[in-house]
Amino acid sequence: MTLLLLVGVGWLSMRTVLLLSQVSRHSSEAQLGRTFQQELRDRGLIDAPPHS
């Protein structure tokens, strides 16, 4: 029973670590994408997004 509990806690902690690493990676990739789009806008290669 204790082994089952340890396996469950280990699985949940691994899942949490993997989820947090995905979120962290996604934020840096999203920031890089926004910077790249701004650079393209600055050079006049793409239109600016409509302001609402």
PDB file of N, CA and C in Angstrom:
ATOM      1  N   MET A   1       0.826  -1.189   0.000  1.00  0.00           N
ATOM      2  CA  MET A   1       0.000   0.000   0.000  1.00  0.00           C
ATOM      3  C   MET A   1       0.877   1.263   0.000  1.00  0.00           C
ATOM      4  N   THR A   2       1.935   1.224   0.806  1.00  0.00           N
ATOM      5  CA  THR A   2       2.845   2.372   0.850  1.00  0.00           C
ATOM      6  C   THR A   2       3.537   2.561  -0.503  1.00  0.00           C
ATOM      7  N   LEU A   3       3.896   1.465  -1.148  1.00  0.00           N
ATOM      8  CA  LEU A   3       4.535   1.535  -2.457  1.00  0.00           C
ATOM      9  C   LEU A   3       3.595   2.180  -3.472  1.00  0.00           C
ATOM     10  N   LEU A   4       2.331   1.809  -3.437  1.00  0.00           N
ATOM     11  CA  LEU A   4       1.343   2.397  -4.341  1.00  0.00           C
ATOM     12  C   LEU A   4       1.216   3.900  -4.100  1.00  0.00           C
ATOM     13  N   LEU A   5       1.202   4.302  -2.854  1.00  0.00           N
ATOM     14  CA  LEU A   5       1.121   5.721  -2.513  1.00  0.00           C
ATOM     15  C   LEU A   5       2.367   6.469  -3.010  1.00  0.00           C
ATOM     16  N   LEU A   6       3.550   5.891  -2.827  1.00  0.00           N
ATOM     17  CA  LEU A   6       4.782   6.527  -3.293  1.00  0.00           C
ATOM     18  C   LEU A   6       4.805   6.644  -4.819  1.00  0.00           C
ATOM     19  N   VAL A   7       4.346   5.614  -5.496  1.00  0.00           N
ATOM     20  CA  VAL A   7       4.291   5.664  -6.961  1.00  0.00           C
ATOM     21  C   VAL A   7       3.326   6.766  -7.404  1.00  0.00           C
ATOM     22  N   GLY A   8       2.183   6.874  -6.755  1.00  0.00           N
ATOM     23  CA  GLY A   8       1.206   7.921  -7.090  1.00  0.00           C
ATOM     24  C   GLY A   8       1.754   9.323  -6.866  1.00  0.00           C
ATOM     25  N   VAL A   9       2.401   9.533  -5.735  1.00  0.00           N
ATOM     26  CA  VAL A   9       2.976  10.849  -5.439  1.00  0.00           C
ATOM     27  C   VAL A   9       4.110  11.161  -6.419  1.00  0.00           C
ATOM     28  N   GLY A  10       4.922  10.179  -6.730  1.00  0.00           N
ATOM     29  CA  GLY A  10       6.010  10.371  -7.700  1.00  0.00           C
ATOM     30  C   GLY A  10       5.477  10.722  -9.078  1.00  0.00           C
ATOM     31  N   TRP A  11       4.423  10.032  -9.505  1.00  0.00           N
ATOM     32  CA  TRP A  11       3.823  10.298 -10.809  1.00  0.00           C
ATOM     33  C   TRP A  11       3.254  11.714 -10.860  1.00  0.00           C
ATOM     34  N   LEU A  12       2.552  12.123  -9.809  1.00  0.00           N
ATOM     35  CA  LEU A  12       1.985  13.474  -9.778  1.00  0.00           C
ATOM     36  C   LEU A  12       3.075  14.541  -9.779  1.00  0.00           C
ATOM     37  N   SER A  13       4.148  14.313  -9.047  1.00  0.00           N
ATOM     38  CA  SER A  13       5.222  15.313  -9.013  1.00  0.00           C
ATOM     39  C   SER A  13       5.937  15.390 -10.363  1.00  0.00           C
ATOM     40  N   MET A  14       6.160  14.265 -11.012  1.00  0.00           N
ATOM     41  CA  MET A  14       6.775  14.273 -12.340  1.00  0.00           C
ATOM     42  C   MET A  14       5.887  15.002 -13.342  1.00  0.00           C
ATOM     43  N   ARG A  15       4.597  14.759 -13.268  1.00  0.00           N
ATOM     44  CA  ARG A  15       3.645  15.432 -14.153  1.00  0.00           C
ATOM     45  C   ARG A  15       3.687  16.941 -13.944  1.00  0.00           C
ATOM     46  N   THR A  16       3.751  17.355 -12.687  1.00  0.00           N
ATOM     47  CA  THR A  16       3.794  18.778 -12.373  1.00  0.00           C
ATOM     48  C   THR A  16       5.076  19.417 -12.901  1.00  0.00           C
ATOM     49  N   VAL A  17       6.198  18.750 -12.712  1.00  0.00           N
ATOM     50  CA  VAL A  17       7.480  19.270 -13.199  1.00  0.00           C
ATOM     51  C   VAL A  17       7.462  19.398 -14.719  1.00  0.00           C
ATOM     52  N   LEU A  18       6.944  18.395 -15.412  1.00  0.00           N
ATOM     53  CA  LEU A  18       6.890  18.452 -16.870  1.00  0.00           C
ATOM     54  C   LEU A  18       5.960  19.564 -17.346  1.00  0.00           C
ATOM     55  N   LEU A  19       4.834  19.736 -16.684  1.00  0.00           N
ATOM     56  CA  LEU A  19       3.897  20.794 -17.043  1.00  0.00           C
ATOM     57  C   LEU A  19       4.530  22.166 -16.856  1.00  0.00           C
ATOM     58  N   LEU A  20       5.202  22.367 -15.745  1.00  0.00           N
ATOM     59  CA  LEU A  20       5.842  23.655 -15.479  1.00  0.00           C
ATOM     60  C   LEU A  20       6.967  23.935 -16.478  1.00  0.00           C
ATOM     61  N   SER A  21       7.705  22.910 -16.878  1.00  0.00           N
ATOM     62  CA  SER A  21       8.775  23.127 -17.850  1.00  0.00           C
ATOM     63  C   SER A  21       8.202  23.484 -19.220  1.00  0.00           C
ATOM     64  N   GLN A  22       7.053  22.900 -19.582  1.00  0.00           N
ATOM     65  CA  GLN A  22       6.405  23.250 -20.846  1.00  0.00           C
ATOM     66  C   GLN A  22       5.933  24.698 -20.827  1.00  0.00           C
ATOM     67  N   VAL A  23       5.344  25.131 -19.714  1.00  0.00           N
ATOM     68  CA  VAL A  23       4.849  26.505 -19.605  1.00  0.00           C
ATOM     69  C   VAL A  23       6.026  27.470 -19.698  1.00  0.00           C
ATOM     70  N   SER A  24       7.113  27.170 -19.043  1.00  0.00           N
ATOM     71  CA  SER A  24       8.292  28.032 -19.065  1.00  0.00           C
ATOM     72  C   SER A  24       8.863  28.126 -20.472  1.00  0.00           C
ATOM     73  N   ARG A  25       8.952  27.006 -21.160  1.00  0.00           N
ATOM     74  CA  ARG A  25       9.492  27.006 -22.514  1.00  0.00           C
ATOM     75  C   ARG A  25       8.573  27.781 -23.449  1.00  0.00           C
ATOM     76  N   HIS A  26       7.265  27.598 -23.281  1.00  0.00           N
ATOM     77  CA  HIS A  26       6.302  28.261 -24.147  1.00  0.00           C
ATOM     78  C   HIS A  26       6.384  29.777 -23.982  1.00  0.00           C
ATOM     79  N   SER A  27       6.569  30.266 -22.751  1.00  0.00           N
ATOM     80  CA  SER A  27       6.625  31.714 -22.552  1.00  0.00           C
ATOM     81  C   SER A  27       7.835  32.315 -23.251  1.00  0.00           C
ATOM     82  N   SER A  28       8.988  31.679 -23.183  1.00  0.00           N
ATOM     83  CA  SER A  28      10.163  32.228 -23.845  1.00  0.00           C
ATOM     84  C   SER A  28      10.012  32.171 -25.357  1.00  0.00           C
ATOM     85  N   GLU A  29       9.386  31.102 -25.876  1.00  0.00           N
ATOM     86  CA  GLU A  29       9.156  31.007 -27.317  1.00  0.00           C
ATOM     87  C   GLU A  29       8.155  32.061 -27.777  1.00  0.00           C
ATOM     88  N   ALA A  30       7.130  32.303 -26.966  1.00  0.00           N
ATOM     89  CA  ALA A  30       6.139  33.312 -27.316  1.00  0.00           C
ATOM     90  C   ALA A  30       6.777  34.698 -27.327  1.00  0.00           C
ATOM     91  N   GLN A  31       7.637  34.986 -26.366  1.00  0.00           N
ATOM     92  CA  GLN A  31       8.334  36.279 -26.320  1.00  0.00           C
ATOM     93  C   GLN A  31       9.229  36.443 -27.546  1.00  0.00           C
ATOM     94  N   LEU A  32       9.917  35.383 -27.938  1.00  0.00           N
ATOM     95  CA  LEU A  32      10.765  35.437 -29.117  1.00  0.00           C
ATOM     96  C   LEU A  32       9.926  35.707 -30.365  1.00  0.00           C
ATOM     97  N   GLY A  33       8.768  35.066 -30.460  1.00  0.00           N
ATOM     98  CA  GLY A  33       7.864  35.287 -31.593  1.00  0.00           C
ATOM     99  C   GLY A  33       7.358  36.716 -31.654  1.00  0.00           C
ATOM    100  N   ARG A  34       6.996  37.279 -30.491  1.00  0.00           N
ATOM    101  CA  ARG A  34       6.522  38.670 -30.461  1.00  0.00           C
ATOM    102  C   ARG A  34       7.631  39.629 -30.878  1.00  0.00           C
ATOM    103  N   THR A  35       8.856  39.379 -30.414  1.00  0.00           N
ATOM    104  CA  THR A  35       9.998  40.222 -30.779  1.00  0.00           C
ATOM    105  C   THR A  35      10.253  40.155 -32.279  1.00  0.00           C
ATOM    106  N   PHE A  36      10.171  38.954 -32.845  1.00  0.00           N
ATOM    107  CA  PHE A  36      10.391  38.770 -34.276  1.00  0.00           C
ATOM    108  C   PHE A  36       9.316  39.498 -35.083  1.00  0.00           C
ATOM    109  N   GLN A  37       8.047  39.391 -34.664  1.00  0.00           N
ATOM    110  CA  GLN A  37       6.975  40.092 -35.367  1.00  0.00           C
ATOM    111  C   GLN A  37       7.166  41.598 -35.291  1.00  0.00           C
ATOM    112  N   GLN A  38       7.603  42.103 -34.152  1.00  0.00           N
ATOM    113  CA  GLN A  38       7.847  43.539 -34.013  1.00  0.00           C
ATOM    114  C   GLN A  38       8.961  43.981 -34.952  1.00  0.00           C
ATOM    115  N   GLU A  39       9.991  43.175 -35.071  1.00  0.00           N
ATOM    116  CA  GLU A  39      11.099  43.486 -35.977  1.00  0.00           C
ATOM    117  C   GLU A  39      10.595  43.549 -37.427  1.00  0.00           C
ATOM    118  N   LEU A  40       9.743  42.595 -37.804  1.00  0.00           N
ATOM    119  CA  LEU A  40       9.186  42.609 -39.157  1.00  0.00           C
ATOM    120  C   LEU A  40       8.311  43.838 -39.387  1.00  0.00           C
ATOM    121  N   ARG A  41       7.530  44.224 -38.363  1.00  0.00           N
ATOM    122  CA  ARG A  41       6.706  45.437 -38.473  1.00  0.00           C
ATOM    123  C   ARG A  41       7.583  46.675 -38.627  1.00  0.00           C
ATOM    124  N   ASP A  42       8.651  46.736 -37.832  1.00  0.00           N
ATOM    125  CA  ASP A  42       9.561  47.880 -37.891  1.00  0.00           C
ATOM    126  C   ASP A  42      10.187  48.029 -39.276  1.00  0.00           C
ATOM    127  N   ARG A  43      10.450  46.908 -39.929  1.00  0.00           N
ATOM    128  CA  ARG A  43      11.060  46.950 -41.262  1.00  0.00           C
ATOM    129  C   ARG A  43      10.014  47.123 -42.363  1.00  0.00           C
ATOM    130  N   GLY A  44       8.723  47.128 -41.982  1.00  0.00           N
ATOM    131  CA  GLY A  44       7.665  47.301 -42.981  1.00  0.00           C
ATOM    132  C   GLY A  44       7.359  46.052 -43.784  1.00  0.00           C
ATOM    133  N   LEU A  45       7.766  44.909 -43.285  1.00  0.00           N
ATOM    134  CA  LEU A  45       7.544  43.661 -44.023  1.00  0.00           C
ATOM    135  C   LEU A  45       6.162  43.063 -43.770  1.00  0.00           C
ATOM    136  N   ILE A  46       5.554  43.408 -42.652  1.00  0.00           N
ATOM    137  CA  ILE A  46       4.179  42.970 -42.358  1.00  0.00           C
ATOM    138  C   ILE A  46       3.392  44.167 -41.843  1.00  0.00           C
ATOM    139  N   ASP A  47       2.073  44.096 -42.021  1.00  0.00           N
ATOM    140  CA  ASP A  47       1.213  45.173 -41.538  1.00  0.00           C
ATOM    141  C   ASP A  47       1.082  45.123 -40.026  1.00  0.00           C
ATOM    142  N   ALA A  48       0.904  46.276 -39.441  1.00  0.00           N
ATOM    143  CA  ALA A  48       0.667  46.348 -37.993  1.00  0.00           C
ATOM    144  C   ALA A  48      -0.710  45.782 -37.686  1.00  0.00           C
ATOM    145  N   PRO A  49      -0.883  45.121 -36.543  1.00  0.00           N
ATOM    146  CA  PRO A  49      -2.207  44.589 -36.196  1.00  0.00           C
ATOM    147  C   PRO A  49      -3.200  45.724 -35.981  1.00  0.00           C
ATOM    148  N   PRO A  50      -4.478  45.500 -36.286  1.00  0.00           N
ATOM    149  CA  PRO A  50      -5.473  46.560 -36.067  1.00  0.00           C
ATOM    150  C   PRO A  50      -5.626  46.870 -34.584  1.00  0.00           C
ATOM    151  N   HIS A  51      -5.749  48.151 -34.253  1.00  0.00           N
ATOM    152  CA  HIS A  51      -5.928  48.567 -32.866  1.00  0.00           C
ATOM    153  C   HIS A  51      -7.394  48.546 -32.539  1.00  0.00           C
ATOM    154  N   SER A  52      -7.751  47.969 -31.395  1.00  0.00           N
ATOM    155  CA  SER A  52      -9.170  47.915 -31.011  1.00  0.00           C
ATOM    156  C   SER A  52      -9.457  48.868 -29.875  1.00  0.00           C
TER     157      SER A  52
END
